[in-house]
Amino acid sequence: MSKETTADDPRQKTDGIPLKQTDKPWKGPPDKEPADQDLDQAQESRRAVHGSQKERQKVQGRALGEVMGKAALIAIAIGVASLIGLAVFVIQL
């Protein structure tokens, strides 16, 4: 049987990132300008592909209006069919 050494112990190994303080002064947060530019470019490309929010709302409103119009026509047709059925029933009496 071989004897284990402390170098073999995984608890003694580190991931290589020192957590101790350094002598280097803090330079402040990193600049965020490139990220802001990327965000602006992404928004512009999204608008180019999908259109503006107002345009999307117009399209959605038209689609909703079409669906509601069809639902209203179906309700009217059902009402008319019910009235015809009631008239036929009354005539048979």
N, C-alpha and C. Protein backbone atom coordinates (compact mmCIF):
# COMPACT_ATOMS: atom_id res chain seq x y z
N MET A 1 0.83 -1.18 0.00
CA MET A 1 0.00 0.00 0.00
C MET A 1 0.87 1.25 0.00
N SER A 2 0.49 2.21 -0.83
CA SER A 2 1.29 3.43 -0.87
C SER A 2 0.73 4.43 0.14
N LYS A 3 1.59 5.23 0.62
CA LYS A 3 1.17 6.25 1.57
C LYS A 3 0.87 7.54 0.80
N GLU A 4 -0.20 8.16 1.20
CA GLU A 4 -0.56 9.42 0.56
C GLU A 4 0.24 10.55 1.18
N THR A 5 0.58 11.50 0.36
CA THR A 5 1.27 12.68 0.86
C THR A 5 0.29 13.84 0.91
N THR A 6 0.68 14.93 1.53
CA THR A 6 -0.21 16.09 1.61
C THR A 6 -0.43 16.72 0.24
N ALA A 7 0.49 16.51 -0.67
CA ALA A 7 0.31 17.05 -2.03
C ALA A 7 -0.82 16.34 -2.76
N ASP A 8 -1.12 15.11 -2.38
CA ASP A 8 -2.19 14.35 -3.01
C ASP A 8 -3.56 14.70 -2.45
N ASP A 9 -3.60 15.39 -1.32
CA ASP A 9 -4.86 15.70 -0.65
C ASP A 9 -5.60 16.80 -1.42
N PRO A 10 -6.79 16.53 -1.97
CA PRO A 10 -7.50 17.54 -2.75
C PRO A 10 -7.93 18.74 -1.90
N ARG A 11 -8.02 18.59 -0.61
CA ARG A 11 -8.39 19.72 0.23
C ARG A 11 -7.28 20.75 0.32
N GLN A 12 -6.07 20.35 0.05
CA GLN A 12 -4.93 21.26 0.12
C GLN A 12 -4.69 21.97 -1.22
N LYS A 13 -5.32 21.50 -2.27
CA LYS A 13 -5.13 22.11 -3.58
C LYS A 13 -6.04 23.33 -3.71
N THR A 14 -5.61 24.32 -4.45
CA THR A 14 -6.41 25.51 -4.70
C THR A 14 -6.70 25.58 -6.19
N ASP A 15 -7.63 26.42 -6.53
CA ASP A 15 -7.96 26.57 -7.95
C ASP A 15 -7.11 27.64 -8.62
N GLY A 16 -6.10 28.11 -7.96
CA GLY A 16 -5.16 29.01 -8.57
C GLY A 16 -5.50 30.48 -8.45
N ILE A 17 -6.64 30.83 -7.90
CA ILE A 17 -7.03 32.23 -7.77
C ILE A 17 -6.71 32.67 -6.34
N PRO A 18 -5.75 33.55 -6.18
CA PRO A 18 -5.42 34.00 -4.83
C PRO A 18 -6.51 34.92 -4.29
N LEU A 19 -6.92 34.70 -3.08
CA LEU A 19 -7.96 35.49 -2.47
C LEU A 19 -7.40 36.56 -1.54
N LYS A 20 -6.13 36.61 -1.39
CA LYS A 20 -5.53 37.59 -0.49
C LYS A 20 -5.47 38.97 -1.16
N GLN A 21 -5.28 39.98 -0.35
CA GLN A 21 -5.21 41.34 -0.86
C GLN A 21 -3.92 41.55 -1.64
N THR A 22 -3.98 42.49 -2.56
CA THR A 22 -2.80 42.80 -3.35
C THR A 22 -2.33 44.21 -3.00
N ASP A 23 -1.18 44.56 -3.48
CA ASP A 23 -0.65 45.90 -3.27
C ASP A 23 -1.09 46.88 -4.35
N LYS A 24 -1.82 46.40 -5.33
CA LYS A 24 -2.26 47.25 -6.43
C LYS A 24 -3.45 48.10 -5.98
N PRO A 25 -3.46 49.40 -6.32
CA PRO A 25 -4.61 50.24 -5.95
C PRO A 25 -5.82 49.90 -6.82
N TRP A 26 -7.00 50.15 -6.27
CA TRP A 26 -8.24 49.88 -7.00
C TRP A 26 -8.43 50.94 -8.06
N LYS A 27 -8.72 50.56 -9.28
CA LYS A 27 -8.84 51.49 -10.39
C LYS A 27 -10.28 51.89 -10.66
N GLY A 28 -11.20 51.42 -9.88
CA GLY A 28 -12.60 51.76 -10.08
C GLY A 28 -13.28 50.73 -10.97
N PRO A 29 -14.58 50.88 -11.16
CA PRO A 29 -15.31 49.90 -11.99
C PRO A 29 -14.87 50.02 -13.45
N PRO A 30 -14.94 48.95 -14.18
CA PRO A 30 -14.55 49.00 -15.59
C PRO A 30 -15.54 49.85 -16.39
N ASP A 31 -15.07 50.39 -17.49
CA ASP A 31 -15.93 51.20 -18.34
C ASP A 31 -17.03 50.34 -18.93
N LYS A 32 -18.23 50.93 -19.03
CA LYS A 32 -19.37 50.18 -19.57
C LYS A 32 -19.78 50.71 -20.94
N GLU A 33 -19.00 51.56 -21.54
CA GLU A 33 -19.37 52.12 -22.83
C GLU A 33 -19.53 51.08 -23.92
N PRO A 34 -18.61 50.11 -24.06
CA PRO A 34 -18.81 49.13 -25.13
C PRO A 34 -20.10 48.34 -24.96
N ALA A 35 -20.46 48.04 -23.73
CA ALA A 35 -21.69 47.28 -23.50
C ALA A 35 -22.90 48.12 -23.89
N ASP A 36 -22.86 49.44 -23.58
CA ASP A 36 -23.96 50.31 -23.96
C ASP A 36 -24.10 50.40 -25.47
N GLN A 37 -22.96 50.46 -26.17
CA GLN A 37 -23.01 50.51 -27.62
C GLN A 37 -23.58 49.22 -28.18
N ASP A 38 -23.20 48.10 -27.61
CA ASP A 38 -23.74 46.82 -28.06
C ASP A 38 -25.24 46.77 -27.85
N LEU A 39 -25.71 47.31 -26.70
CA LEU A 39 -27.13 47.32 -26.42
C LEU A 39 -27.88 48.18 -27.43
N ASP A 40 -27.33 49.35 -27.73
CA ASP A 40 -27.96 50.22 -28.73
C ASP A 40 -28.04 49.54 -30.09
N GLN A 41 -26.96 48.88 -30.48
CA GLN A 41 -26.95 48.19 -31.78
C GLN A 41 -27.97 47.05 -31.79
N ALA A 42 -28.08 46.34 -30.67
CA ALA A 42 -29.05 45.25 -30.59
C ALA A 42 -30.47 45.77 -30.69
N GLN A 43 -30.75 46.91 -30.03
CA GLN A 43 -32.09 47.48 -30.09
C GLN A 43 -32.42 47.96 -31.50
N GLU A 44 -31.45 48.57 -32.14
CA GLU A 44 -31.68 49.04 -33.51
C GLU A 44 -31.94 47.88 -34.46
N SER A 45 -31.18 46.81 -34.31
CA SER A 45 -31.39 45.67 -35.20
C SER A 45 -32.73 45.00 -34.91
N ARG A 46 -33.13 44.97 -33.63
CA ARG A 46 -34.43 44.39 -33.28
C ARG A 46 -35.55 45.21 -33.90
N ARG A 47 -35.41 46.55 -33.84
CA ARG A 47 -36.43 47.40 -34.45
C ARG A 47 -36.48 47.21 -35.96
N ALA A 48 -35.31 47.03 -36.56
CA ALA A 48 -35.27 46.83 -38.01
C ALA A 48 -35.95 45.54 -38.41
N VAL A 49 -35.80 44.50 -37.59
CA VAL A 49 -36.37 43.19 -37.91
C VAL A 49 -37.84 43.13 -37.52
N HIS A 50 -38.16 43.59 -36.31
CA HIS A 50 -39.51 43.40 -35.78
C HIS A 50 -40.38 44.65 -35.83
N GLY A 51 -39.84 45.78 -36.17
CA GLY A 51 -40.61 47.01 -36.20
C GLY A 51 -40.72 47.61 -34.81
N SER A 52 -41.28 48.80 -34.75
CA SER A 52 -41.39 49.47 -33.46
C SER A 52 -42.55 48.88 -32.66
N GLN A 53 -42.62 49.26 -31.41
CA GLN A 53 -43.66 48.73 -30.53
C GLN A 53 -45.03 49.20 -30.99
N LYS A 54 -45.13 50.45 -31.44
CA LYS A 54 -46.42 50.96 -31.91
C LYS A 54 -46.91 50.18 -33.13
N GLU A 55 -46.00 49.85 -34.03
CA GLU A 55 -46.38 49.08 -35.21
C GLU A 55 -46.88 47.70 -34.81
N ARG A 56 -46.18 47.07 -33.85
CA ARG A 56 -46.62 45.75 -33.39
C ARG A 56 -47.99 45.83 -32.74
N GLN A 57 -48.24 46.91 -31.97
CA GLN A 57 -49.54 47.05 -31.32
C GLN A 57 -50.64 47.25 -32.35
N LYS A 58 -50.34 47.98 -33.42
CA LYS A 58 -51.33 48.16 -34.48
C LYS A 58 -51.71 46.81 -35.11
N VAL A 59 -50.70 46.02 -35.41
CA VAL A 59 -50.94 44.71 -36.03
C VAL A 59 -51.71 43.82 -35.07
N GLN A 60 -51.32 43.83 -33.80
CA GLN A 60 -52.03 43.00 -32.83
C GLN A 60 -53.46 43.46 -32.66
N GLY A 61 -53.69 44.79 -32.69
CA GLY A 61 -55.04 45.33 -32.57
C GLY A 61 -55.90 44.92 -33.75
N ARG A 62 -55.32 44.97 -34.94
CA ARG A 62 -56.08 44.53 -36.13
C ARG A 62 -56.42 43.05 -36.04
N ALA A 63 -55.46 42.26 -35.60
CA ALA A 63 -55.71 40.82 -35.49
C ALA A 63 -56.79 40.54 -34.45
N LEU A 64 -56.74 41.27 -33.34
CA LEU A 64 -57.75 41.09 -32.30
C LEU A 64 -59.12 41.52 -32.81
N GLY A 65 -59.14 42.62 -33.58
CA GLY A 65 -60.40 43.08 -34.15
C GLY A 65 -61.00 42.06 -35.11
N GLU A 66 -60.14 41.43 -35.91
CA GLU A 66 -60.62 40.40 -36.83
C GLU A 66 -61.20 39.21 -36.08
N VAL A 67 -60.52 38.80 -35.02
CA VAL A 67 -60.99 37.66 -34.23
C VAL A 67 -62.32 38.01 -33.56
N MET A 68 -62.39 39.21 -32.98
CA MET A 68 -63.64 39.61 -32.32
C MET A 68 -64.77 39.73 -33.34
N GLY A 69 -64.47 40.21 -34.54
CA GLY A 69 -65.49 40.31 -35.58
C GLY A 69 -66.01 38.94 -35.98
N LYS A 70 -65.10 37.98 -36.11
CA LYS A 70 -65.52 36.63 -36.46
C LYS A 70 -66.33 36.00 -35.34
N ALA A 71 -65.94 36.26 -34.09
CA ALA A 71 -66.68 35.72 -32.95
C ALA A 71 -68.09 36.32 -32.91
N ALA A 72 -68.21 37.60 -33.22
CA ALA A 72 -69.52 38.24 -33.24
C ALA A 72 -70.40 37.64 -34.34
N LEU A 73 -69.81 37.40 -35.52
CA LEU A 73 -70.58 36.79 -36.61
C LEU A 73 -71.06 35.39 -36.24
N ILE A 74 -70.21 34.64 -35.56
CA ILE A 74 -70.60 33.29 -35.14
C ILE A 74 -71.74 33.36 -34.13
N ALA A 75 -71.66 34.31 -33.18
CA ALA A 75 -72.72 34.47 -32.19
C ALA A 75 -74.03 34.86 -32.85
N ILE A 76 -73.98 35.74 -33.84
CA ILE A 76 -75.20 36.13 -34.56
C ILE A 76 -75.77 34.94 -35.31
N ALA A 77 -74.90 34.15 -35.96
CA ALA A 77 -75.38 32.98 -36.70
C ALA A 77 -76.05 31.98 -35.76
N ILE A 78 -75.47 31.78 -34.59
CA ILE A 78 -76.08 30.86 -33.62
C ILE A 78 -77.43 31.40 -33.15
N GLY A 79 -77.50 32.70 -32.93
CA GLY A 79 -78.77 33.31 -32.51
C GLY A 79 -79.84 33.17 -33.57
N VAL A 80 -79.47 33.41 -34.83
CA VAL A 80 -80.43 33.28 -35.93
C VAL A 80 -80.90 31.84 -36.05
N ALA A 81 -79.96 30.88 -35.95
CA ALA A 81 -80.33 29.47 -36.05
C ALA A 81 -81.26 29.08 -34.90
N SER A 82 -81.03 29.63 -33.73
CA SER A 82 -81.92 29.33 -32.59
C SER A 82 -83.31 29.89 -32.83
N LEU A 83 -83.38 31.09 -33.36
CA LEU A 83 -84.70 31.68 -33.65
C LEU A 83 -85.44 30.89 -34.72
N ILE A 84 -84.72 30.44 -35.73
CA ILE A 84 -85.36 29.63 -36.78
C ILE A 84 -85.86 28.32 -36.18
N GLY A 85 -85.05 27.72 -35.33
CA GLY A 85 -85.47 26.48 -34.68
C GLY A 85 -86.69 26.68 -33.81
N LEU A 86 -86.73 27.81 -33.09
CA LEU A 86 -87.89 28.11 -32.25
C LEU A 86 -89.12 28.36 -33.12
N ALA A 87 -88.97 29.06 -34.24
CA ALA A 87 -90.10 29.32 -35.12
C ALA A 87 -90.65 28.03 -35.71
N VAL A 88 -89.79 27.13 -36.10
CA VAL A 88 -90.23 25.84 -36.64
C VAL A 88 -90.98 25.06 -35.57
N PHE A 89 -90.50 25.09 -34.35
CA PHE A 89 -91.14 24.38 -33.24
C PHE A 89 -92.54 24.94 -32.97
N VAL A 90 -92.67 26.27 -33.00
CA VAL A 90 -93.94 26.92 -32.73
C VAL A 90 -94.93 26.62 -33.85
N ILE A 91 -94.46 26.61 -35.08
CA ILE A 91 -95.33 26.33 -36.23
C ILE A 91 -95.86 24.90 -36.14
N GLN A 92 -95.06 23.97 -35.65
CA GLN A 92 -95.48 22.58 -35.57
C GLN A 92 -96.54 22.37 -34.48
N LEU A 93 -96.65 23.28 -33.54
CA LEU A 93 -97.64 23.13 -32.48
C LEU A 93 -98.97 23.38 -33.01
